[in-house]
Amino acid sequence: MPIPIDVRKKPMDVKIHVSTAAGMDIIWSDTHASHYDFAYLRDLCPCALCNDEREKKSRIVSSGSGGAVLPMFKAKVTAKAARSVGHYAIQIDFSDGHSTGIFSFDHLREICPCPACQREFGAV
């Protein structure tokens, strides 16, 4: 039996503004519009390497052994290129050299930064 598709997670229009560094805009089939800055997407990259790094950081913070860590200056992350992966995802080459994350449309809708999606999906 096929898995039913959640129409809220199906894009109608996707615009990736690589040349202007303005981020990515998606209009979903339920007419919701989402905007993602490239830095936001880089921070929430779903690849195994990034998931491991987030897990390590959360363990350090929860154990209390990390102390107060001062953030290092990082240049704002932008995109150098982007491409579709089948009909289900977008892959972005970030300016920091990272390019292994594949952002499925399911994942993108769940991490939509708007308050309504945060209440509904609560992933971030």
PDB file of N, CA and C in Angstrom:
ATOM      1  N   MET A   1       0.841  -1.168   0.000  1.00  0.00           N
ATOM      2  CA  MET A   1       0.000   0.000   0.000  1.00  0.00           C
ATOM      3  C   MET A   1       0.896   1.244   0.000  1.00  0.00           C
ATOM      4  N   PRO A   2       0.665   2.176  -0.930  1.00  0.00           N
ATOM      5  CA  PRO A   2       1.510   3.373  -0.992  1.00  0.00           C
ATOM      6  C   PRO A   2       1.294   4.284   0.216  1.00  0.00           C
ATOM      7  N   ILE A   3       2.356   4.989   0.568  1.00  0.00           N
ATOM      8  CA  ILE A   3       2.287   5.946   1.671  1.00  0.00           C
ATOM      9  C   ILE A   3       1.598   7.207   1.156  1.00  0.00           C
ATOM     10  N   PRO A   4       0.585   7.702   1.864  1.00  0.00           N
ATOM     11  CA  PRO A   4      -0.091   8.913   1.397  1.00  0.00           C
ATOM     12  C   PRO A   4       0.849  10.123   1.444  1.00  0.00           C
ATOM     13  N   ILE A   5       0.737  10.961   0.437  1.00  0.00           N
ATOM     14  CA  ILE A   5       1.579  12.149   0.345  1.00  0.00           C
ATOM     15  C   ILE A   5       0.915  13.291   1.114  1.00  0.00           C
ATOM     16  N   ASP A   6       1.689  13.945   1.951  1.00  0.00           N
ATOM     17  CA  ASP A   6       1.217  15.109   2.691  1.00  0.00           C
ATOM     18  C   ASP A   6       1.321  16.310   1.754  1.00  0.00           C
ATOM     19  N   VAL A   7       0.190  16.813   1.278  1.00  0.00           N
ATOM     20  CA  VAL A   7       0.205  17.905   0.305  1.00  0.00           C
ATOM     21  C   VAL A   7       0.857  19.170   0.853  1.00  0.00           C
ATOM     22  N   ARG A   8       0.913  19.305   2.170  1.00  0.00           N
ATOM     23  CA  ARG A   8       1.573  20.465   2.754  1.00  0.00           C
ATOM     24  C   ARG A   8       3.067  20.450   2.465  1.00  0.00           C
ATOM     25  N   LYS A   9       3.611  19.285   2.136  1.00  0.00           N
ATOM     26  CA  LYS A   9       5.043  19.140   1.909  1.00  0.00           C
ATOM     27  C   LYS A   9       5.388  18.992   0.424  1.00  0.00           C
ATOM     28  N   LYS A  10       4.451  19.365  -0.431  1.00  0.00           N
ATOM     29  CA  LYS A  10       4.673  19.290  -1.874  1.00  0.00           C
ATOM     30  C   LYS A  10       4.821  20.713  -2.418  1.00  0.00           C
ATOM     31  N   PRO A  11       5.968  21.037  -3.014  1.00  0.00           N
ATOM     32  CA  PRO A  11       6.164  22.403  -3.504  1.00  0.00           C
ATOM     33  C   PRO A  11       5.449  22.654  -4.827  1.00  0.00           C
ATOM     34  N   MET A  12       4.931  23.873  -4.964  1.00  0.00           N
ATOM     35  CA  MET A  12       4.365  24.307  -6.249  1.00  0.00           C
ATOM     36  C   MET A  12       5.405  25.125  -7.009  1.00  0.00           C
ATOM     37  N   ASP A  13       6.218  25.889  -6.259  1.00  0.00           N
ATOM     38  CA  ASP A  13       7.206  26.757  -6.889  1.00  0.00           C
ATOM     39  C   ASP A  13       8.421  26.858  -5.971  1.00  0.00           C
ATOM     40  N   VAL A  14       9.597  26.711  -6.546  1.00  0.00           N
ATOM     41  CA  VAL A  14      10.849  26.807  -5.789  1.00  0.00           C
ATOM     42  C   VAL A  14      11.759  27.790  -6.505  1.00  0.00           C
ATOM     43  N   LYS A  15      12.231  28.789  -5.762  1.00  0.00           N
ATOM     44  CA  LYS A  15      13.186  29.752  -6.310  1.00  0.00           C
ATOM     45  C   LYS A  15      14.399  29.789  -5.379  1.00  0.00           C
ATOM     46  N   ILE A  16      15.571  29.534  -5.956  1.00  0.00           N
ATOM     47  CA  ILE A  16      16.816  29.551  -5.191  1.00  0.00           C
ATOM     48  C   ILE A  16      17.644  30.714  -5.721  1.00  0.00           C
ATOM     49  N   HIS A  17      17.879  31.699  -4.878  1.00  0.00           N
ATOM     50  CA  HIS A  17      18.519  32.950  -5.279  1.00  0.00           C
ATOM     51  C   HIS A  17      20.020  32.890  -5.001  1.00  0.00           C
ATOM     52  N   VAL A  18      20.731  32.091  -5.789  1.00  0.00           N
ATOM     53  CA  VAL A  18      22.167  31.893  -5.584  1.00  0.00           C
ATOM     54  C   VAL A  18      22.939  33.170  -5.900  1.00  0.00           C
ATOM     55  N   SER A  19      22.662  33.807  -7.029  1.00  0.00           N
ATOM     56  CA  SER A  19      23.454  34.967  -7.455  1.00  0.00           C
ATOM     57  C   SER A  19      23.271  36.175  -6.546  1.00  0.00           C
ATOM     58  N   THR A  20      22.109  36.321  -5.921  1.00  0.00           N
ATOM     59  CA  THR A  20      21.875  37.473  -5.039  1.00  0.00           C
ATOM     60  C   THR A  20      22.083  37.129  -3.570  1.00  0.00           C
ATOM     61  N   ALA A  21      22.310  35.857  -3.259  1.00  0.00           N
ATOM     62  CA  ALA A  21      22.488  35.365  -1.887  1.00  0.00           C
ATOM     63  C   ALA A  21      21.268  35.632  -1.012  1.00  0.00           C
ATOM     64  N   ALA A  22      20.101  35.746  -1.646  1.00  0.00           N
ATOM     65  CA  ALA A  22      18.866  36.057  -0.909  1.00  0.00           C
ATOM     66  C   ALA A  22      18.208  34.835  -0.285  1.00  0.00           C
ATOM     67  N   GLY A  23      18.736  33.650  -0.523  1.00  0.00           N
ATOM     68  CA  GLY A  23      18.160  32.452   0.083  1.00  0.00           C
ATOM     69  C   GLY A  23      17.258  31.696  -0.873  1.00  0.00           C
ATOM     70  N   MET A  24      16.331  30.952  -0.293  1.00  0.00           N
ATOM     71  CA  MET A  24      15.435  30.113  -1.079  1.00  0.00           C
ATOM     72  C   MET A  24      13.994  30.402  -0.679  1.00  0.00           C
ATOM     73  N   ASP A  25      13.119  30.463  -1.680  1.00  0.00           N
ATOM     74  CA  ASP A  25      11.694  30.669  -1.444  1.00  0.00           C
ATOM     75  C   ASP A  25      10.922  29.498  -2.035  1.00  0.00           C
ATOM     76  N   ILE A  26       9.979  28.989  -1.255  1.00  0.00           N
ATOM     77  CA  ILE A  26       9.141  27.889  -1.717  1.00  0.00           C
ATOM     78  C   ILE A  26       7.685  28.250  -1.457  1.00  0.00           C
ATOM     79  N   ILE A  27       6.854  28.040  -2.465  1.00  0.00           N
ATOM     80  CA  ILE A  27       5.408  28.124  -2.284  1.00  0.00           C
ATOM     81  C   ILE A  27       4.910  26.685  -2.331  1.00  0.00           C
ATOM     82  N   TRP A  28       4.236  26.298  -1.263  1.00  0.00           N
ATOM     83  CA  TRP A  28       3.771  24.923  -1.106  1.00  0.00           C
ATOM     84  C   TRP A  28       2.370  24.762  -1.700  1.00  0.00           C
ATOM     85  N   SER A  29       1.975  23.527  -1.934  1.00  0.00           N
ATOM     86  CA  SER A  29       0.679  23.254  -2.568  1.00  0.00           C
ATOM     87  C   SER A  29      -0.507  23.693  -1.716  1.00  0.00           C
ATOM     88  N   ASP A  30      -0.289  23.919  -0.415  1.00  0.00           N
ATOM     89  CA  ASP A  30      -1.366  24.464   0.424  1.00  0.00           C
ATOM     90  C   ASP A  30      -1.315  25.997   0.452  1.00  0.00           C
ATOM     91  N   THR A  31      -0.549  26.602  -0.458  1.00  0.00           N
ATOM     92  CA  THR A  31      -0.341  28.045  -0.666  1.00  0.00           C
ATOM     93  C   THR A  31       0.521  28.716   0.411  1.00  0.00           C
ATOM     94  N   HIS A  32       1.061  27.976   1.340  1.00  0.00           N
ATOM     95  CA  HIS A  32       1.969  28.550   2.333  1.00  0.00           C
ATOM     96  C   HIS A  32       3.269  28.933   1.631  1.00  0.00           C
ATOM     97  N   ALA A  33       3.837  30.070   2.004  1.00  0.00           N
ATOM     98  CA  ALA A  33       5.116  30.515   1.444  1.00  0.00           C
ATOM     99  C   ALA A  33       6.188  30.442   2.526  1.00  0.00           C
ATOM    100  N   SER A  34       7.329  29.849   2.190  1.00  0.00           N
ATOM    101  CA  SER A  34       8.452  29.727   3.122  1.00  0.00           C
ATOM    102  C   SER A  34       9.669  30.429   2.542  1.00  0.00           C
ATOM    103  N   HIS A  35      10.426  31.108   3.404  1.00  0.00           N
ATOM    104  CA  HIS A  35      11.695  31.706   3.000  1.00  0.00           C
ATOM    105  C   HIS A  35      12.787  31.145   3.910  1.00  0.00           C
ATOM    106  N   TYR A  36      13.902  30.745   3.303  1.00  0.00           N
ATOM    107  CA  TYR A  36      15.031  30.182   4.035  1.00  0.00           C
ATOM    108  C   TYR A  36      16.293  30.949   3.674  1.00  0.00           C
ATOM    109  N   ASP A  37      16.982  31.509   4.667  1.00  0.00           N
ATOM    110  CA  ASP A  37      18.312  32.079   4.439  1.00  0.00           C
ATOM    111  C   ASP A  37      19.281  30.918   4.271  1.00  0.00           C
ATOM    112  N   PHE A  38      20.330  31.128   3.490  1.00  0.00           N
ATOM    113  CA  PHE A  38      21.305  30.056   3.295  1.00  0.00           C
ATOM    114  C   PHE A  38      22.011  29.684   4.599  1.00  0.00           C
ATOM    115  N   ALA A  39      22.279  30.656   5.458  1.00  0.00           N
ATOM    116  CA  ALA A  39      22.928  30.352   6.741  1.00  0.00           C
ATOM    117  C   ALA A  39      22.028  29.457   7.598  1.00  0.00           C
ATOM    118  N   TYR A  40      20.729  29.705   7.575  1.00  0.00           N
ATOM    119  CA  TYR A  40      19.764  28.889   8.314  1.00  0.00           C
ATOM    120  C   TYR A  40      19.789  27.452   7.790  1.00  0.00           C
ATOM    121  N   LEU A  41      19.786  27.304   6.466  1.00  0.00           N
ATOM    122  CA  LEU A  41      19.824  25.960   5.871  1.00  0.00           C
ATOM    123  C   LEU A  41      21.136  25.258   6.198  1.00  0.00           C
ATOM    124  N   ARG A  42      22.239  25.992   6.155  1.00  0.00           N
ATOM    125  CA  ARG A  42      23.536  25.373   6.466  1.00  0.00           C
ATOM    126  C   ARG A  42      23.553  24.864   7.904  1.00  0.00           C
ATOM    127  N   ASP A  43      22.985  25.654   8.825  1.00  0.00           N
ATOM    128  CA  ASP A  43      22.941  25.239  10.234  1.00  0.00           C
ATOM    129  C   ASP A  43      22.071  24.009  10.444  1.00  0.00           C
ATOM    130  N   LEU A  44      21.078  23.821   9.593  1.00  0.00           N
ATOM    131  CA  LEU A  44      20.161  22.686   9.743  1.00  0.00           C
ATOM    132  C   LEU A  44      20.367  21.624   8.668  1.00  0.00           C
ATOM    133  N   CYS A  45      21.563  21.566   8.126  1.00  0.00           N
ATOM    134  CA  CYS A  45      21.871  20.565   7.101  1.00  0.00           C
ATOM    135  C   CYS A  45      21.579  19.163   7.651  1.00  0.00           C
ATOM    136  N   PRO A  46      20.856  18.342   6.880  1.00  0.00           N
ATOM    137  CA  PRO A  46      20.474  17.022   7.376  1.00  0.00           C
ATOM    138  C   PRO A  46      21.487  15.909   7.125  1.00  0.00           C
ATOM    139  N   CYS A  47      22.681  16.210   6.642  1.00  0.00           N
ATOM    140  CA  CYS A  47      23.632  15.134   6.342  1.00  0.00           C
ATOM    141  C   CYS A  47      24.162  14.500   7.633  1.00  0.00           C
ATOM    142  N   ALA A  48      24.714  13.314   7.511  1.00  0.00           N
ATOM    143  CA  ALA A  48      25.204  12.557   8.674  1.00  0.00           C
ATOM    144  C   ALA A  48      26.313  13.313   9.409  1.00  0.00           C
ATOM    145  N   LEU A  49      27.217  13.942   8.688  1.00  0.00           N
ATOM    146  CA  LEU A  49      28.307  14.685   9.314  1.00  0.00           C
ATOM    147  C   LEU A  49      27.763  15.822  10.185  1.00  0.00           C
ATOM    148  N   CYS A  50      26.827  16.584   9.658  1.00  0.00           N
ATOM    149  CA  CYS A  50      26.259  17.707  10.412  1.00  0.00           C
ATOM    150  C   CYS A  50      25.415  17.210  11.591  1.00  0.00           C
ATOM    151  N   ASN A  51      24.686  16.121  11.395  1.00  0.00           N
ATOM    152  CA  ASN A  51      23.915  15.557  12.508  1.00  0.00           C
ATOM    153  C   ASN A  51      24.842  15.112  13.635  1.00  0.00           C
ATOM    154  N   ASP A  52      25.979  14.500  13.297  1.00  0.00           N
ATOM    155  CA  ASP A  52      26.954  14.093  14.310  1.00  0.00           C
ATOM    156  C   ASP A  52      27.508  15.301  15.063  1.00  0.00           C
ATOM    157  N   GLU A  53      27.821  16.374  14.338  1.00  0.00           N
ATOM    158  CA  GLU A  53      28.351  17.581  14.977  1.00  0.00           C
ATOM    159  C   GLU A  53      27.333  18.187  15.934  1.00  0.00           C
ATOM    160  N   ARG A  54      26.063  18.255  15.508  1.00  0.00           N
ATOM    161  CA  ARG A  54      25.017  18.798  16.390  1.00  0.00           C
ATOM    162  C   ARG A  54      24.858  17.932  17.638  1.00  0.00           C
ATOM    163  N   GLU A  55      24.942  16.618  17.461  1.00  0.00           N
ATOM    164  CA  GLU A  55      24.818  15.703  18.597  1.00  0.00           C
ATOM    165  C   GLU A  55      25.977  15.888  19.574  1.00  0.00           C
ATOM    166  N   LYS A  56      27.201  16.039  19.061  1.00  0.00           N
ATOM    167  CA  LYS A  56      28.366  16.261  19.926  1.00  0.00           C
ATOM    168  C   LYS A  56      28.209  17.558  20.712  1.00  0.00           C
ATOM    169  N   LYS A  57      27.772  18.621  20.039  1.00  0.00           N
ATOM    170  CA  LYS A  57      27.597  19.905  20.714  1.00  0.00           C
ATOM    171  C   LYS A  57      26.537  19.817  21.800  1.00  0.00           C
ATOM    172  N   SER A  58      25.448  19.112  21.516  1.00  0.00           N
ATOM    173  CA  SER A  58      24.390  19.016  22.531  1.00  0.00           C
ATOM    174  C   SER A  58      24.853  18.192  23.728  1.00  0.00           C
ATOM    175  N   ARG A  59      25.692  17.167  23.501  1.00  0.00           N
ATOM    176  CA  ARG A  59      26.229  16.393  24.625  1.00  0.00           C
ATOM    177  C   ARG A  59      27.152  17.237  25.477  1.00  0.00           C
ATOM    178  N   ILE A  60      27.979  18.061  24.853  1.00  0.00           N
ATOM    179  CA  ILE A  60      28.900  18.931  25.592  1.00  0.00           C
ATOM    180  C   ILE A  60      28.109  19.932  26.427  1.00  0.00           C
ATOM    181  N   VAL A  61      27.104  20.532  25.827  1.00  0.00           N
ATOM    182  CA  VAL A  61      26.295  21.518  26.538  1.00  0.00           C
ATOM    183  C   VAL A  61      25.525  20.862  27.680  1.00  0.00           C
ATOM    184  N   SER A  62      24.925  19.695  27.429  1.00  0.00           N
ATOM    185  CA  SER A  62      24.123  19.044  28.472  1.00  0.00           C
ATOM    186  C   SER A  62      24.984  18.473  29.602  1.00  0.00           C
ATOM    187  N   SER A  63      26.237  18.126  29.312  1.00  0.00           N
ATOM    188  CA  SER A  63      27.110  17.600  30.368  1.00  0.00           C
ATOM    189  C   SER A  63      27.703  18.717  31.220  1.00  0.00           C
ATOM    190  N   GLY A  64      27.642  19.930  30.696  1.00  0.00           N
ATOM    191  CA  GLY A  64      28.189  21.055  31.446  1.00  0.00           C
ATOM    192  C   GLY A  64      29.695  21.147  31.395  1.00  0.00           C
ATOM    193  N   SER A  65      30.352  20.257  30.667  1.00  0.00           N
ATOM    194  CA  SER A  65      31.813  20.258  30.632  1.00  0.00           C
ATOM    195  C   SER A  65      32.370  21.264  29.632  1.00  0.00           C
ATOM    196  N   GLY A  66      31.509  21.816  28.805  1.00  0.00           N
ATOM    197  CA  GLY A  66      31.996  22.735  27.783  1.00  0.00           C
ATOM    198  C   GLY A  66      32.301  24.121  28.304  1.00  0.00           C
ATOM    199  N   GLY A  67      31.742  24.489  29.420  1.00  0.00           N
ATOM    200  CA  GLY A  67      31.947  25.832  29.926  1.00  0.00           C
ATOM    201  C   GLY A  67      31.373  26.847  28.957  1.00  0.00           C
ATOM    202  N   ALA A  68      31.724  28.074  29.137  1.00  0.00           N
ATOM    203  CA  ALA A  68      31.277  29.135  28.239  1.00  0.00           C
ATOM    204  C   ALA A  68      32.219  29.171  27.042  1.00  0.00           C
ATOM    205  N   VAL A  69      31.711  28.823  25.901  1.00  0.00           N
ATOM    206  CA  VAL A  69      32.511  28.809  24.695  1.00  0.00           C
ATOM    207  C   VAL A  69      32.165  30.061  23.899  1.00  0.00           C
ATOM    208  N   LEU A  70      33.194  30.829  23.565  1.00  0.00           N
ATOM    209  CA  LEU A  70      32.975  32.026  22.773  1.00  0.00           C
ATOM    210  C   LEU A  70      32.930  31.639  21.299  1.00  0.00           C
ATOM    211  N   PRO A  71      31.941  32.135  20.576  1.00  0.00           N
ATOM    212  CA  PRO A  71      31.858  31.781  19.162  1.00  0.00           C
ATOM    213  C   PRO A  71      32.975  32.446  18.358  1.00  0.00           C
ATOM    214  N   MET A  72      33.492  31.723  17.408  1.00  0.00           N
ATOM    215  CA  MET A  72      34.502  32.266  16.505  1.00  0.00           C
ATOM    216  C   MET A  72      33.780  33.027  15.402  1.00  0.00           C
ATOM    217  N   PHE A  73      34.456  34.028  14.847  1.00  0.00           N
ATOM    218  CA  PHE A  73      33.869  34.753  13.727  1.00  0.00           C
ATOM    219  C   PHE A  73      33.801  33.828  12.524  1.00  0.00           C
ATOM    220  N   LYS A  74      32.656  33.790  11.902  1.00  0.00           N
ATOM    221  CA  LYS A  74      32.498  33.028  10.671  1.00  0.00           C
ATOM    222  C   LYS A  74      31.862  33.955   9.644  1.00  0.00           C
ATOM    223  N   ALA A  75      32.384  33.920   8.446  1.00  0.00           N
ATOM    224  CA  ALA A  75      31.774  34.698   7.367  1.00  0.00           C
ATOM    225  C   ALA A  75      30.381  34.146   7.104  1.00  0.00           C
ATOM    226  N   LYS A  76      29.474  35.015   6.681  1.00  0.00           N
ATOM    227  CA  LYS A  76      28.109  34.584   6.411  1.00  0.00           C
ATOM    228  C   LYS A  76      28.109  33.556   5.274  1.00  0.00           C
ATOM    229  N   VAL A  77      27.446  32.443   5.509  1.00  0.00           N
ATOM    230  CA  VAL A  77      27.397  31.365   4.525  1.00  0.00           C
ATOM    231  C   VAL A  77      26.395  31.724   3.436  1.00  0.00           C
ATOM    232  N   THR A  78      26.807  31.526   2.208  1.00  0.00           N
ATOM    233  CA  THR A  78      25.932  31.711   1.056  1.00  0.00           C
ATOM    234  C   THR A  78      25.953  30.420   0.236  1.00  0.00           C
ATOM    235  N   ALA A  79      25.295  30.438  -0.883  1.00  0.00           N
ATOM    236  CA  ALA A  79      25.305  29.270  -1.768  1.00  0.00           C
ATOM    237  C   ALA A  79      26.117  29.580  -3.016  1.00  0.00           C
ATOM    238  N   LYS A  80      26.907  28.608  -3.440  1.00  0.00           N
ATOM    239  CA  LYS A  80      27.656  28.743  -4.683  1.00  0.00           C
ATOM    240  C   LYS A  80      26.878  28.134  -5.839  1.00  0.00           C
ATOM    241  N   ALA A  81      26.063  27.101  -5.535  1.00  0.00           N
ATOM    242  CA  ALA A  81      25.271  26.431  -6.561  1.00  0.00           C
ATOM    243  C   ALA A  81      24.167  25.632  -5.868  1.00  0.00           C
ATOM    244  N   ALA A  82      23.155  25.272  -6.634  1.00  0.00           N
ATOM    245  CA  ALA A  82      22.071  24.431  -6.123  1.00  0.00           C
ATOM    246  C   ALA A  82      21.497  23.637  -7.287  1.00  0.00           C
ATOM    247  N   ARG A  83      21.013  22.451  -6.958  1.00  0.00           N
ATOM    248  CA  ARG A  83      20.429  21.602  -8.004  1.00  0.00           C
ATOM    249  C   ARG A  83      19.343  20.729  -7.403  1.00  0.00           C
ATOM    250  N   SER A  84      18.416  20.346  -8.251  1.00  0.00           N
ATOM    251  CA  SER A  84      17.352  19.457  -7.778  1.00  0.00           C
ATOM    252  C   SER A  84      17.866  18.031  -7.744  1.00  0.00           C
ATOM    253  N   VAL A  85      17.341  17.263  -6.813  1.00  0.00           N
ATOM    254  CA  VAL A  85      17.650  15.843  -6.687  1.00  0.00           C
ATOM    255  C   VAL A  85      16.321  15.127  -6.928  1.00  0.00           C
ATOM    256  N   GLY A  86      16.185  14.574  -8.112  1.00  0.00           N
ATOM    257  CA  GLY A  86      14.912  13.962  -8.475  1.00  0.00           C
ATOM    258  C   GLY A  86      13.786  14.974  -8.339  1.00  0.00           C
ATOM    259  N   HIS A  87      12.645  14.503  -7.886  1.00  0.00           N
ATOM    260  CA  HIS A  87      11.503  15.386  -7.648  1.00  0.00           C
ATOM    261  C   HIS A  87      11.237  15.532  -6.163  1.00  0.00           C
ATOM    262  N   TYR A  88      12.262  15.231  -5.332  1.00  0.00           N
ATOM    263  CA  TYR A  88      12.000  15.184  -3.904  1.00  0.00           C
ATOM    264  C   TYR A  88      12.918  16.053  -3.056  1.00  0.00           C
ATOM    265  N   ALA A  89      13.963  16.665  -3.645  1.00  0.00           N
ATOM    266  CA  ALA A  89      14.928  17.364  -2.796  1.00  0.00           C
ATOM    267  C   ALA A  89      15.747  18.384  -3.570  1.00  0.00           C
ATOM    268  N   ILE A  90      16.490  19.183  -2.795  1.00  0.00           N
ATOM    269  CA  ILE A  90      17.426  20.178  -3.320  1.00  0.00           C
ATOM    270  C   ILE A  90      18.781  19.919  -2.660  1.00  0.00           C
ATOM    271  N   GLN A  91      19.853  19.999  -3.447  1.00  0.00           N
ATOM    272  CA  GLN A  91      21.208  19.903  -2.906  1.00  0.00           C
ATOM    273  C   GLN A  91      21.889  21.246  -3.130  1.00  0.00           C
ATOM    274  N   ILE A  92      22.516  21.767  -2.078  1.00  0.00           N
ATOM    275  CA  ILE A  92      23.135  23.089  -2.133  1.00  0.00           C
ATOM    276  C   ILE A  92      24.631  22.971  -1.880  1.00  0.00           C
ATOM    277  N   ASP A  93      25.432  23.649  -2.718  1.00  0.00           N
ATOM    278  CA  ASP A  93      26.865  23.779  -2.489  1.00  0.00           C
ATOM    279  C   ASP A  93      27.060  25.100  -1.752  1.00  0.00           C
ATOM    280  N   PHE A  94      27.444  25.026  -0.480  1.00  0.00           N
ATOM    281  CA  PHE A  94      27.601  26.223   0.337  1.00  0.00           C
ATOM    282  C   PHE A  94      28.979  26.837   0.169  1.00  0.00           C
ATOM    283  N   SER A  95      29.085  28.114   0.493  1.00  0.00           N
ATOM    284  CA  SER A  95      30.341  28.849   0.322  1.00  0.00           C
ATOM    285  C   SER A  95      31.441  28.381   1.270  1.00  0.00           C
ATOM    286  N   ASP A  96      31.082  27.636   2.320  1.00  0.00           N
ATOM    287  CA  ASP A  96      32.109  27.118   3.233  1.00  0.00           C
ATOM    288  C   ASP A  96      32.674  25.774   2.768  1.00  0.00           C
ATOM    289  N   GLY A  97      32.283  25.348   1.568  1.00  0.00           N
ATOM    290  CA  GLY A  97      32.796  24.102   1.003  1.00  0.00           C
ATOM    291  C   GLY A  97      31.913  22.888   1.254  1.00  0.00           C
ATOM    292  N   HIS A  98      30.881  23.023   2.065  1.00  0.00           N
ATOM    293  CA  HIS A  98      30.005  21.900   2.394  1.00  0.00           C
ATOM    294  C   HIS A  98      28.986  21.699   1.276  1.00  0.00           C
ATOM    295  N   SER A  99      28.805  20.447   0.845  1.00  0.00           N
ATOM    296  CA  SER A  99      27.853  20.194  -0.242  1.00  0.00           C
ATOM    297  C   SER A  99      27.204  18.818  -0.165  1.00  0.00           C
ATOM    298  N   THR A 100      27.297  18.152   0.980  1.00  0.00           N
ATOM    299  CA  THR A 100      26.774  16.791   1.045  1.00  0.00           C
ATOM    300  C   THR A 100      25.326  16.701   1.528  1.00  0.00           C
ATOM    301  N   GLY A 101      24.762  17.791   1.980  1.00  0.00           N
ATOM    302  CA  GLY A 101      23.383  17.749   2.474  1.00  0.00           C
ATOM    303  C   GLY A 101      22.373  17.747   1.347  1.00  0.00           C
ATOM    304  N   ILE A 102      21.401  16.863   1.461  1.00  0.00           N
ATOM    305  CA  ILE A 102      20.284  16.828   0.524  1.00  0.00           C
ATOM    306  C   ILE A 102      19.036  17.201   1.313  1.00  0.00           C
ATOM    307  N   PHE A 103      18.441  18.340   0.958  1.00  0.00           N
ATOM    308  CA  PHE A 103      17.287  18.876   1.671  1.00  0.00           C
ATOM    309  C   PHE A 103      16.009  18.388   0.995  1.00  0.00           C
ATOM    310  N   SER A 104      15.397  17.354   1.561  1.00  0.00           N
ATOM    311  CA  SER A 104      14.136  16.865   1.002  1.00  0.00           C
ATOM    312  C   SER A 104      13.059  17.910   1.242  1.00  0.00           C
ATOM    313  N   PHE A 105      12.027  17.893   0.404  1.00  0.00           N
ATOM    314  CA  PHE A 105      10.939  18.844   0.593  1.00  0.00           C
ATOM    315  C   PHE A 105      10.219  18.586   1.913  1.00  0.00           C
ATOM    316  N   ASP A 106      10.136  17.333   2.327  1.00  0.00           N
ATOM    317  CA  ASP A 106       9.566  17.030   3.652  1.00  0.00           C
ATOM    318  C   ASP A 106      10.349  17.764   4.744  1.00  0.00           C
ATOM    319  N   HIS A 107      11.675  17.640   4.698  1.00  0.00           N
ATOM    320  CA  HIS A 107      12.541  18.281   5.693  1.00  0.00           C
ATOM    321  C   HIS A 107      12.402  19.802   5.633  1.00  0.00           C
ATOM    322  N   LEU A 108      12.400  20.359   4.425  1.00  0.00           N
ATOM    323  CA  LEU A 108      12.298  21.805   4.284  1.00  0.00           C
ATOM    324  C   LEU A 108      10.999  22.345   4.880  1.00  0.00           C
ATOM    325  N   ARG A 109       9.894  21.648   4.657  1.00  0.00           N
ATOM    326  CA  ARG A 109       8.637  22.143   5.233  1.00  0.00           C
ATOM    327  C   ARG A 109       8.663  22.031   6.755  1.00  0.00           C
ATOM    328  N   GLU A 110       9.263  20.964   7.260  1.00  0.00           N
ATOM    329  CA  GLU A 110       9.324  20.778   8.715  1.00  0.00           C
ATOM    330  C   GLU A 110      10.236  21.783   9.404  1.00  0.00           C
ATOM    331  N   ILE A 111      11.221  22.331   8.691  1.00  0.00           N
ATOM    332  CA  ILE A 111      12.108  23.327   9.295  1.00  0.00           C
ATOM    333  C   ILE A 111      11.759  24.747   8.858  1.00  0.00           C
ATOM    334  N   CYS A 112      10.611  24.929   8.246  1.00  0.00           N
ATOM    335  CA  CYS A 112      10.180  26.276   7.856  1.00  0.00           C
ATOM    336  C   CYS A 112      10.275  27.169   9.093  1.00  0.00           C
ATOM    337  N   PRO A 113      10.939  28.323   8.962  1.00  0.00           N
ATOM    338  CA  PRO A 113      11.156  29.163  10.147  1.00  0.00           C
ATOM    339  C   PRO A 113       9.946  29.966  10.614  1.00  0.00           C
ATOM    340  N   CYS A 114       8.844  29.916   9.921  1.00  0.00           N
ATOM    341  CA  CYS A 114       7.693  30.726  10.343  1.00  0.00           C
ATOM    342  C   CYS A 114       7.059  30.138  11.609  1.00  0.00           C
ATOM    343  N   PRO A 115       6.478  30.982  12.442  1.00  0.00           N
ATOM    344  CA  PRO A 115       5.876  30.512  13.704  1.00  0.00           C
ATOM    345  C   PRO A 115       4.770  29.463  13.507  1.00  0.00           C
ATOM    346  N   ALA A 116       3.974  29.594  12.452  1.00  0.00           N
ATOM    347  CA  ALA A 116       2.889  28.627  12.223  1.00  0.00           C
ATOM    348  C   ALA A 116       3.442  27.230  11.964  1.00  0.00           C
ATOM    349  N   CYS A 117       4.473  27.127  11.150  1.00  0.00           N
ATOM    350  CA  CYS A 117       5.068  25.810  10.873  1.00  0.00           C
ATOM    351  C   CYS A 117       5.806  25.280  12.092  1.00  0.00           C
ATOM    352  N   GLN A 118       6.425  26.167  12.853  1.00  0.00           N
ATOM    353  CA  GLN A 118       7.102  25.718  14.075  1.00  0.00           C
ATOM    354  C   GLN A 118       6.100  25.101  15.048  1.00  0.00           C
ATOM    355  N   ARG A 119       4.912  25.694  15.146  1.00  0.00           N
ATOM    356  CA  ARG A 119       3.872  25.121  16.008  1.00  0.00           C
ATOM    357  C   ARG A 119       3.374  23.783  15.434  1.00  0.00           C
ATOM    358  N   GLU A 120       3.179  23.753  14.121  1.00  0.00           N
ATOM    359  CA  GLU A 120       2.606  22.552  13.504  1.00  0.00           C
ATOM    360  C   GLU A 120       3.581  21.387  13.427  1.00  0.00           C
ATOM    361  N   PHE A 121       4.824  21.664  13.025  1.00  0.00           N
ATOM    362  CA  PHE A 121       5.794  20.593  12.826  1.00  0.00           C
ATOM    363  C   PHE A 121       6.791  20.472  13.981  1.00  0.00           C
ATOM    364  N   GLY A 122       7.107  21.598  14.622  1.00  0.00           N
ATOM    365  CA  GLY A 122       7.967  21.615  15.797  1.00  0.00           C
ATOM    366  C   GLY A 122       9.315  20.958  15.656  1.00  0.00           C
ATOM    367  N   ALA A 123       9.916  20.988  14.467  1.00  0.00           N
ATOM    368  CA  ALA A 123      11.183  20.284  14.258  1.00  0.00           C
ATOM    369  C   ALA A 123      12.390  21.074  14.722  1.00  0.00           C
ATOM    370  N   VAL A 124      12.302  22.384  14.742  1.00  0.00           N
ATOM    371  CA  VAL A 124      13.484  23.194  15.064  1.00  0.00           C
ATOM    372  C   VAL A 124      13.442  23.636  16.497  1.00  0.00           C
TER     373      VAL A 124
END
